[in-house]
Amino acid sequence: MTGTGWEWSDSGSTSGRMQQVVRTSADGPVQAAHASFMEHAISCSACGYGATRCPRADELAAAWRDAKQ
Protein backbone atom coordinates (compact mmCIF):
# COMPACT_ATOMS: atom_id res chain seq x y z
CA MET A 1 0.00 0.00 0.00
CA THR A 2 1.31 3.41 -0.83
CA GLY A 3 -0.06 6.76 0.16
CA THR A 4 -0.40 8.68 3.37
CA GLY A 5 -1.87 7.79 6.72
CA TRP A 6 -1.79 8.67 10.38
CA GLU A 7 0.28 7.06 13.14
CA TRP A 8 0.62 7.68 16.84
CA SER A 9 3.93 9.32 17.73
CA ASP A 10 5.06 8.95 21.32
CA SER A 11 7.55 11.75 21.68
CA GLY A 12 8.75 10.73 25.14
CA SER A 13 8.36 13.71 27.41
CA THR A 14 4.93 14.75 26.14
CA SER A 15 1.63 12.92 25.84
CA GLY A 16 2.22 12.09 22.17
CA ARG A 17 0.27 12.99 19.07
CA MET A 18 -0.99 11.72 15.73
CA GLN A 19 1.29 12.51 12.82
CA GLN A 20 0.83 12.05 9.10
CA VAL A 21 3.19 9.51 7.53
CA VAL A 22 3.94 8.26 4.04
CA ARG A 23 3.30 4.56 3.56
CA THR A 24 5.05 2.35 1.04
CA SER A 25 4.49 -1.22 -0.03
CA ALA A 26 7.58 -2.10 2.05
CA ASP A 27 5.49 -1.56 5.21
CA GLY A 28 4.24 -5.13 4.91
CA PRO A 29 0.79 -6.68 4.91
CA VAL A 30 0.26 -6.65 8.68
CA GLN A 31 1.00 -2.94 9.02
CA ALA A 32 -1.05 -2.16 5.92
CA ALA A 33 -4.05 -4.09 7.27
CA HIS A 34 -3.72 -2.39 10.67
CA ALA A 35 -3.47 1.04 9.04
CA SER A 36 -6.58 0.39 6.95
CA PHE A 37 -8.52 -0.66 10.04
CA MET A 38 -7.38 2.31 12.13
CA GLU A 39 -7.92 4.88 9.38
CA HIS A 40 -11.46 3.56 8.91
CA ALA A 41 -12.22 3.46 12.64
CA ILE A 42 -11.17 7.06 13.29
CA SER A 43 -13.01 8.46 10.28
CA CYS A 44 -16.27 6.45 10.25
CA SER A 45 -19.29 8.07 11.87
CA ALA A 46 -21.06 4.69 12.06
CA CYS A 47 -18.13 3.41 14.14
CA GLY A 48 -18.48 6.35 16.49
CA TYR A 49 -14.99 7.39 15.41
CA GLY A 50 -13.46 4.33 17.05
CA ALA A 51 -15.99 3.69 19.85
CA THR A 52 -17.77 0.76 18.14
CA ARG A 53 -17.51 -1.23 14.88
CA CYS A 54 -19.62 -1.13 11.75
CA PRO A 55 -19.71 -4.12 9.35
CA ARG A 56 -16.87 -2.65 7.26
CA ALA A 57 -14.72 -2.25 10.40
CA ASP A 58 -15.41 -5.90 11.25
CA GLU A 59 -14.16 -6.89 7.78
CA LEU A 60 -11.02 -4.78 8.17
CA ALA A 61 -10.37 -6.17 11.66
CA ALA A 62 -10.68 -9.71 10.31
CA ALA A 63 -8.24 -8.89 7.49
CA TRP A 64 -5.77 -7.49 10.04
CA ARG A 65 -6.18 -10.59 12.25
CA ASP A 66 -5.66 -12.87 9.24
CA ALA A 67 -2.56 -10.92 8.15
CA LYS A 68 -1.00 -11.49 11.59
CA GLN A 69 -1.33 -15.27 11.28
PDB file of N, CA and C in Angstrom:
ATOM      1  N   MET A   1       0.845  -1.172   0.000  1.00  0.00           N
ATOM      2  CA  MET A   1       0.000   0.000   0.000  1.00  0.00           C
ATOM      3  C   MET A   1       0.888   1.233   0.000  1.00  0.00           C
ATOM      4  N   THR A   2       0.596   2.149  -0.839  1.00  0.00           N
ATOM      5  CA  THR A   2       1.309   3.414  -0.834  1.00  0.00           C
ATOM      6  C   THR A   2       0.309   4.520  -0.620  1.00  0.00           C
ATOM      7  N   GLY A   3       0.793   5.623  -0.120  1.00  0.00           N
ATOM      8  CA  GLY A   3      -0.064   6.756   0.159  1.00  0.00           C
ATOM      9  C   GLY A   3       0.296   7.359   1.496  1.00  0.00           C
ATOM     10  N   THR A   4      -0.638   8.084   2.068  1.00  0.00           N
ATOM     11  CA  THR A   4      -0.400   8.682   3.372  1.00  0.00           C
ATOM     12  C   THR A   4      -1.365   8.108   4.389  1.00  0.00           C
ATOM     13  N   GLY A   5      -1.025   8.255   5.636  1.00  0.00           N
ATOM     14  CA  GLY A   5      -1.872   7.789   6.720  1.00  0.00           C
ATOM     15  C   GLY A   5      -1.481   8.499   7.999  1.00  0.00           C
ATOM     16  N   TRP A   6      -2.062   8.060   9.081  1.00  0.00           N
ATOM     17  CA  TRP A   6      -1.787   8.665  10.377  1.00  0.00           C
ATOM     18  C   TRP A   6      -1.267   7.600  11.325  1.00  0.00           C
ATOM     19  N   GLU A   7      -0.265   7.953  12.123  1.00  0.00           N
ATOM     20  CA  GLU A   7       0.283   7.055  13.139  1.00  0.00           C
ATOM     21  C   GLU A   7       0.479   7.821  14.427  1.00  0.00           C
ATOM     22  N   TRP A   8       0.374   7.095  15.530  1.00  0.00           N
ATOM     23  CA  TRP A   8       0.623   7.681  16.840  1.00  0.00           C
ATOM     24  C   TRP A   8       2.124   7.870  17.007  1.00  0.00           C
ATOM     25  N   SER A   9       2.525   9.031  17.469  1.00  0.00           N
ATOM     26  CA  SER A   9       3.930   9.318  17.727  1.00  0.00           C
ATOM     27  C   SER A   9       4.092   9.614  19.211  1.00  0.00           C
ATOM     28  N   ASP A  10       4.780   8.741  19.906  1.00  0.00           N
ATOM     29  CA  ASP A  10       5.063   8.951  21.321  1.00  0.00           C
ATOM     30  C   ASP A  10       6.389   9.671  21.409  1.00  0.00           C
ATOM     31  N   SER A  11       6.338  10.950  21.711  1.00  0.00           N
ATOM     32  CA  SER A  11       7.555  11.749  21.681  1.00  0.00           C
ATOM     33  C   SER A  11       8.330  11.740  22.999  1.00  0.00           C
ATOM     34  N   GLY A  12       7.970  10.871  23.907  1.00  0.00           N
ATOM     35  CA  GLY A  12       8.747  10.726  25.142  1.00  0.00           C
ATOM     36  C   GLY A  12       8.261  11.605  26.271  1.00  0.00           C
ATOM     37  N   SER A  13       8.656  12.858  26.268  1.00  0.00           N
ATOM     38  CA  SER A  13       8.359  13.714  27.408  1.00  0.00           C
ATOM     39  C   SER A  13       6.980  14.365  27.345  1.00  0.00           C
ATOM     40  N   THR A  14       6.278  14.206  26.245  1.00  0.00           N
ATOM     41  CA  THR A  14       4.926  14.754  26.139  1.00  0.00           C
ATOM     42  C   THR A  14       3.932  13.615  26.010  1.00  0.00           C
ATOM     43  N   SER A  15       2.664  13.946  25.899  1.00  0.00           N
ATOM     44  CA  SER A  15       1.631  12.916  25.837  1.00  0.00           C
ATOM     45  C   SER A  15       1.532  12.237  24.479  1.00  0.00           C
ATOM     46  N   GLY A  16       2.277  12.691  23.494  1.00  0.00           N
ATOM     47  CA  GLY A  16       2.225  12.091  22.170  1.00  0.00           C
ATOM     48  C   GLY A  16       1.198  12.772  21.294  1.00  0.00           C
ATOM     49  N   ARG A  17       1.194  12.369  20.024  1.00  0.00           N
ATOM     50  CA  ARG A  17       0.270  12.990  19.073  1.00  0.00           C
ATOM     51  C   ARG A  17       0.166  12.109  17.837  1.00  0.00           C
ATOM     52  N   MET A  18      -0.862  12.380  17.031  1.00  0.00           N
ATOM     53  CA  MET A  18      -0.993  11.721  15.732  1.00  0.00           C
ATOM     54  C   MET A  18      -0.162  12.521  14.734  1.00  0.00           C
ATOM     55  N   GLN A  19       0.554  11.814  13.854  1.00  0.00           N
ATOM     56  CA  GLN A  19       1.292  12.506  12.817  1.00  0.00           C
ATOM     57  C   GLN A  19       1.049  11.811  11.483  1.00  0.00           C
ATOM     58  N   GLN A  20       1.044  12.610  10.425  1.00  0.00           N
ATOM     59  CA  GLN A  20       0.827  12.052   9.095  1.00  0.00           C
ATOM     60  C   GLN A  20       2.132  11.419   8.620  1.00  0.00           C
ATOM     61  N   VAL A  21       2.022  10.237   8.026  1.00  0.00           N
ATOM     62  CA  VAL A  21       3.185   9.513   7.528  1.00  0.00           C
ATOM     63  C   VAL A  21       2.938   9.061   6.096  1.00  0.00           C
ATOM     64  N   VAL A  22       4.016   8.813   5.391  1.00  0.00           N
ATOM     65  CA  VAL A  22       3.943   8.264   4.040  1.00  0.00           C
ATOM     66  C   VAL A  22       4.115   6.763   4.153  1.00  0.00           C
ATOM     67  N   ARG A  23       3.227   6.018   3.526  1.00  0.00           N
ATOM     68  CA  ARG A  23       3.301   4.560   3.556  1.00  0.00           C
ATOM     69  C   ARG A  23       3.816   4.055   2.204  1.00  0.00           C
ATOM     70  N   THR A  24       4.581   2.990   2.261  1.00  0.00           N
ATOM     71  CA  THR A  24       5.050   2.346   1.041  1.00  0.00           C
ATOM     72  C   THR A  24       4.677   0.876   1.103  1.00  0.00           C
ATOM     73  N   SER A  25       4.804   0.202  -0.006  1.00  0.00           N
ATOM     74  CA  SER A  25       4.491  -1.222  -0.030  1.00  0.00           C
ATOM     75  C   SER A  25       5.459  -2.009   0.845  1.00  0.00           C
ATOM     76  N   ALA A  26       6.603  -1.419   1.197  1.00  0.00           N
ATOM     77  CA  ALA A  26       7.579  -2.095   2.052  1.00  0.00           C
ATOM     78  C   ALA A  26       7.105  -2.187   3.502  1.00  0.00           C
ATOM     79  N   ASP A  27       6.003  -1.518   3.840  1.00  0.00           N
ATOM     80  CA  ASP A  27       5.488  -1.559   5.207  1.00  0.00           C
ATOM     81  C   ASP A  27       5.006  -2.948   5.592  1.00  0.00           C
ATOM     82  N   GLY A  28       4.666  -3.764   4.638  1.00  0.00           N
ATOM     83  CA  GLY A  28       4.242  -5.126   4.913  1.00  0.00           C
ATOM     84  C   GLY A  28       2.739  -5.248   5.071  1.00  0.00           C
ATOM     85  N   PRO A  29       2.239  -6.463   4.889  1.00  0.00           N
ATOM     86  CA  PRO A  29       0.792  -6.683   4.905  1.00  0.00           C
ATOM     87  C   PRO A  29       0.148  -6.486   6.275  1.00  0.00           C
ATOM     88  N   VAL A  30       0.853  -6.821   7.349  1.00  0.00           N
ATOM     89  CA  VAL A  30       0.261  -6.653   8.683  1.00  0.00           C
ATOM     90  C   VAL A  30       0.078  -5.175   8.992  1.00  0.00           C
ATOM     91  N   GLN A  31       1.104  -4.376   8.757  1.00  0.00           N
ATOM     92  CA  GLN A  31       0.998  -2.940   9.021  1.00  0.00           C
ATOM     93  C   GLN A  31      -0.027  -2.291   8.100  1.00  0.00           C
ATOM     94  N   ALA A  32      -0.072  -2.720   6.859  1.00  0.00           N
ATOM     95  CA  ALA A  32      -1.051  -2.157   5.917  1.00  0.00           C
ATOM     96  C   ALA A  32      -2.480  -2.468   6.362  1.00  0.00           C
ATOM     97  N   ALA A  33      -2.715  -3.701   6.808  1.00  0.00           N
ATOM     98  CA  ALA A  33      -4.051  -4.086   7.274  1.00  0.00           C
ATOM     99  C   ALA A  33      -4.427  -3.310   8.536  1.00  0.00           C
ATOM    100  N   HIS A  34      -3.468  -3.155   9.442  1.00  0.00           N
ATOM    101  CA  HIS A  34      -3.722  -2.388  10.665  1.00  0.00           C
ATOM    102  C   HIS A  34      -4.031  -0.936  10.333  1.00  0.00           C
ATOM    103  N   ALA A  35      -3.250  -0.357   9.425  1.00  0.00           N
ATOM    104  CA  ALA A  35      -3.472   1.035   9.043  1.00  0.00           C
ATOM    105  C   ALA A  35      -4.851   1.225   8.418  1.00  0.00           C
ATOM    106  N   SER A  36      -5.260   0.300   7.569  1.00  0.00           N
ATOM    107  CA  SER A  36      -6.584   0.394   6.951  1.00  0.00           C
ATOM    108  C   SER A  36      -7.680   0.357   8.001  1.00  0.00           C
ATOM    109  N   PHE A  37      -7.535  -0.551   8.969  1.00  0.00           N
ATOM    110  CA  PHE A  37      -8.524  -0.659  10.043  1.00  0.00           C
ATOM    111  C   PHE A  37      -8.572   0.623  10.868  1.00  0.00           C
ATOM    112  N   MET A  38      -7.417   1.122  11.279  1.00  0.00           N
ATOM    113  CA  MET A  38      -7.379   2.314  12.132  1.00  0.00           C
ATOM    114  C   MET A  38      -7.874   3.554  11.396  1.00  0.00           C
ATOM    115  N   GLU A  39      -7.467   3.720  10.149  1.00  0.00           N
ATOM    116  CA  GLU A  39      -7.920   4.881   9.383  1.00  0.00           C
ATOM    117  C   GLU A  39      -9.439   4.866   9.222  1.00  0.00           C
ATOM    118  N   HIS A  40     -10.005   3.665   9.014  1.00  0.00           N
ATOM    119  CA  HIS A  40     -11.458   3.562   8.914  1.00  0.00           C
ATOM    120  C   HIS A  40     -12.103   3.904  10.259  1.00  0.00           C
ATOM    121  N   ALA A  41     -11.600   3.303  11.316  1.00  0.00           N
ATOM    122  CA  ALA A  41     -12.216   3.465  12.639  1.00  0.00           C
ATOM    123  C   ALA A  41     -12.255   4.920  13.094  1.00  0.00           C
ATOM    124  N   ILE A  42     -11.199   5.674  12.810  1.00  0.00           N
ATOM    125  CA  ILE A  42     -11.172   7.058  13.293  1.00  0.00           C
ATOM    126  C   ILE A  42     -11.910   8.028  12.377  1.00  0.00           C
ATOM    127  N   SER A  43     -12.324   7.555  11.198  1.00  0.00           N
ATOM    128  CA  SER A  43     -13.015   8.463  10.284  1.00  0.00           C
ATOM    129  C   SER A  43     -14.472   8.087  10.029  1.00  0.00           C
ATOM    130  N   CYS A  44     -14.920   6.943  10.540  1.00  0.00           N
ATOM    131  CA  CYS A  44     -16.266   6.450  10.245  1.00  0.00           C
ATOM    132  C   CYS A  44     -17.264   6.903  11.323  1.00  0.00           C
ATOM    133  N   SER A  45     -18.284   7.621  10.904  1.00  0.00           N
ATOM    134  CA  SER A  45     -19.289   8.074  11.867  1.00  0.00           C
ATOM    135  C   SER A  45     -20.108   6.910  12.410  1.00  0.00           C
ATOM    136  N   ALA A  46     -20.314   5.865  11.599  1.00  0.00           N
ATOM    137  CA  ALA A  46     -21.062   4.685  12.061  1.00  0.00           C
ATOM    138  C   ALA A  46     -20.291   3.928  13.135  1.00  0.00           C
ATOM    139  N   CYS A  47     -18.973   4.051  13.120  1.00  0.00           N
ATOM    140  CA  CYS A  47     -18.133   3.411  14.142  1.00  0.00           C
ATOM    141  C   CYS A  47     -17.997   4.296  15.375  1.00  0.00           C
ATOM    142  N   GLY A  48     -18.623   5.439  15.362  1.00  0.00           N
ATOM    143  CA  GLY A  48     -18.478   6.353  16.490  1.00  0.00           C
ATOM    144  C   GLY A  48     -17.048   6.852  16.604  1.00  0.00           C
ATOM    145  N   TYR A  49     -16.374   6.934  15.462  1.00  0.00           N
ATOM    146  CA  TYR A  49     -14.986   7.392  15.406  1.00  0.00           C
ATOM    147  C   TYR A  49     -14.100   6.563  16.321  1.00  0.00           C
ATOM    148  N   GLY A  50     -14.300   5.253  16.298  1.00  0.00           N
ATOM    149  CA  GLY A  50     -13.461   4.327  17.050  1.00  0.00           C
ATOM    150  C   GLY A  50     -14.120   3.726  18.272  1.00  0.00           C
ATOM    151  N   ALA A  51     -15.316   4.177  18.633  1.00  0.00           N
ATOM    152  CA  ALA A  51     -15.985   3.688  19.849  1.00  0.00           C
ATOM    153  C   ALA A  51     -16.644   2.326  19.654  1.00  0.00           C
ATOM    154  N   THR A  52     -17.118   2.035  18.454  1.00  0.00           N
ATOM    155  CA  THR A  52     -17.774   0.760  18.138  1.00  0.00           C
ATOM    156  C   THR A  52     -17.275   0.292  16.778  1.00  0.00           C
ATOM    157  N   ARG A  53     -17.902  -0.744  16.215  1.00  0.00           N
ATOM    158  CA  ARG A  53     -17.513  -1.225  14.885  1.00  0.00           C
ATOM    159  C   ARG A  53     -18.726  -1.400  13.987  1.00  0.00           C
ATOM    160  N   CYS A  54     -18.612  -0.879  12.782  1.00  0.00           N
ATOM    161  CA  CYS A  54     -19.622  -1.126  11.749  1.00  0.00           C
ATOM    162  C   CYS A  54     -19.223  -2.400  11.000  1.00  0.00           C
ATOM    163  N   PRO A  55     -20.061  -2.905  10.101  1.00  0.00           N
ATOM    164  CA  PRO A  55     -19.709  -4.120   9.352  1.00  0.00           C
ATOM    165  C   PRO A  55     -18.392  -3.995   8.573  1.00  0.00           C
ATOM    166  N   ARG A  56     -18.128  -2.844   7.995  1.00  0.00           N
ATOM    167  CA  ARG A  56     -16.867  -2.652   7.260  1.00  0.00           C
ATOM    168  C   ARG A  56     -15.672  -2.740   8.221  1.00  0.00           C
ATOM    169  N   ALA A  57     -15.801  -2.172   9.404  1.00  0.00           N
ATOM    170  CA  ALA A  57     -14.725  -2.254  10.395  1.00  0.00           C
ATOM    171  C   ALA A  57     -14.492  -3.698  10.811  1.00  0.00           C
ATOM    172  N   ASP A  58     -15.566  -4.472  10.934  1.00  0.00           N
ATOM    173  CA  ASP A  58     -15.410  -5.898  11.253  1.00  0.00           C
ATOM    174  C   ASP A  58     -14.614  -6.618  10.162  1.00  0.00           C
ATOM    175  N   GLU A  59     -14.896  -6.281   8.892  1.00  0.00           N
ATOM    176  CA  GLU A  59     -14.158  -6.888   7.783  1.00  0.00           C
ATOM    177  C   GLU A  59     -12.679  -6.505   7.835  1.00  0.00           C
ATOM    178  N   LEU A  60     -12.407  -5.241   8.096  1.00  0.00           N
ATOM    179  CA  LEU A  60     -11.018  -4.780   8.165  1.00  0.00           C
ATOM    180  C   LEU A  60     -10.284  -5.383   9.358  1.00  0.00           C
ATOM    181  N   ALA A  61     -10.978  -5.539  10.486  1.00  0.00           N
ATOM    182  CA  ALA A  61     -10.369  -6.169  11.660  1.00  0.00           C
ATOM    183  C   ALA A  61     -10.041  -7.629  11.370  1.00  0.00           C
ATOM    184  N   ALA A  62     -10.929  -8.315  10.665  1.00  0.00           N
ATOM    185  CA  ALA A  62     -10.678  -9.713  10.308  1.00  0.00           C
ATOM    186  C   ALA A  62      -9.491  -9.817   9.354  1.00  0.00           C
ATOM    187  N   ALA A  63      -9.377  -8.883   8.418  1.00  0.00           N
ATOM    188  CA  ALA A  63      -8.240  -8.893   7.492  1.00  0.00           C
ATOM    189  C   ALA A  63      -6.940  -8.659   8.242  1.00  0.00           C
ATOM    190  N   TRP A  64      -6.965  -7.775   9.225  1.00  0.00           N
ATOM    191  CA  TRP A  64      -5.771  -7.495  10.042  1.00  0.00           C
ATOM    192  C   TRP A  64      -5.404  -8.744  10.848  1.00  0.00           C
ATOM    193  N   ARG A  65      -6.413  -9.367  11.466  1.00  0.00           N
ATOM    194  CA  ARG A  65      -6.178 -10.594  12.248  1.00  0.00           C
ATOM    195  C   ARG A  65      -5.591 -11.705  11.357  1.00  0.00           C
ATOM    196  N   ASP A  66      -6.150 -11.856  10.168  1.00  0.00           N
ATOM    197  CA  ASP A  66      -5.663 -12.873   9.237  1.00  0.00           C
ATOM    198  C   ASP A  66      -4.228 -12.566   8.779  1.00  0.00           C
ATOM    199  N   ALA A  67      -3.917 -11.302   8.587  1.00  0.00           N
ATOM    200  CA  ALA A  67      -2.560 -10.921   8.149  1.00  0.00           C
ATOM    201  C   ALA A  67      -1.520 -11.246   9.230  1.00  0.00           C
ATOM    202  N   LYS A  68      -1.936 -11.197  10.494  1.00  0.00           N
ATOM    203  CA  LYS A  68      -1.001 -11.489  11.587  1.00  0.00           C
ATOM    204  C   LYS A  68      -0.705 -12.965  11.714  1.00  0.00           C
ATOM    205  N   GLN A  69      -1.524 -13.832  11.143  1.00  0.00           N
ATOM    206  CA  GLN A  69      -1.332 -15.273  11.283  1.00  0.00           C
ATOM    207  C   GLN A  69      -0.417 -15.838  10.243  1.00  0.00           C
TER     208      GLN A  69
END
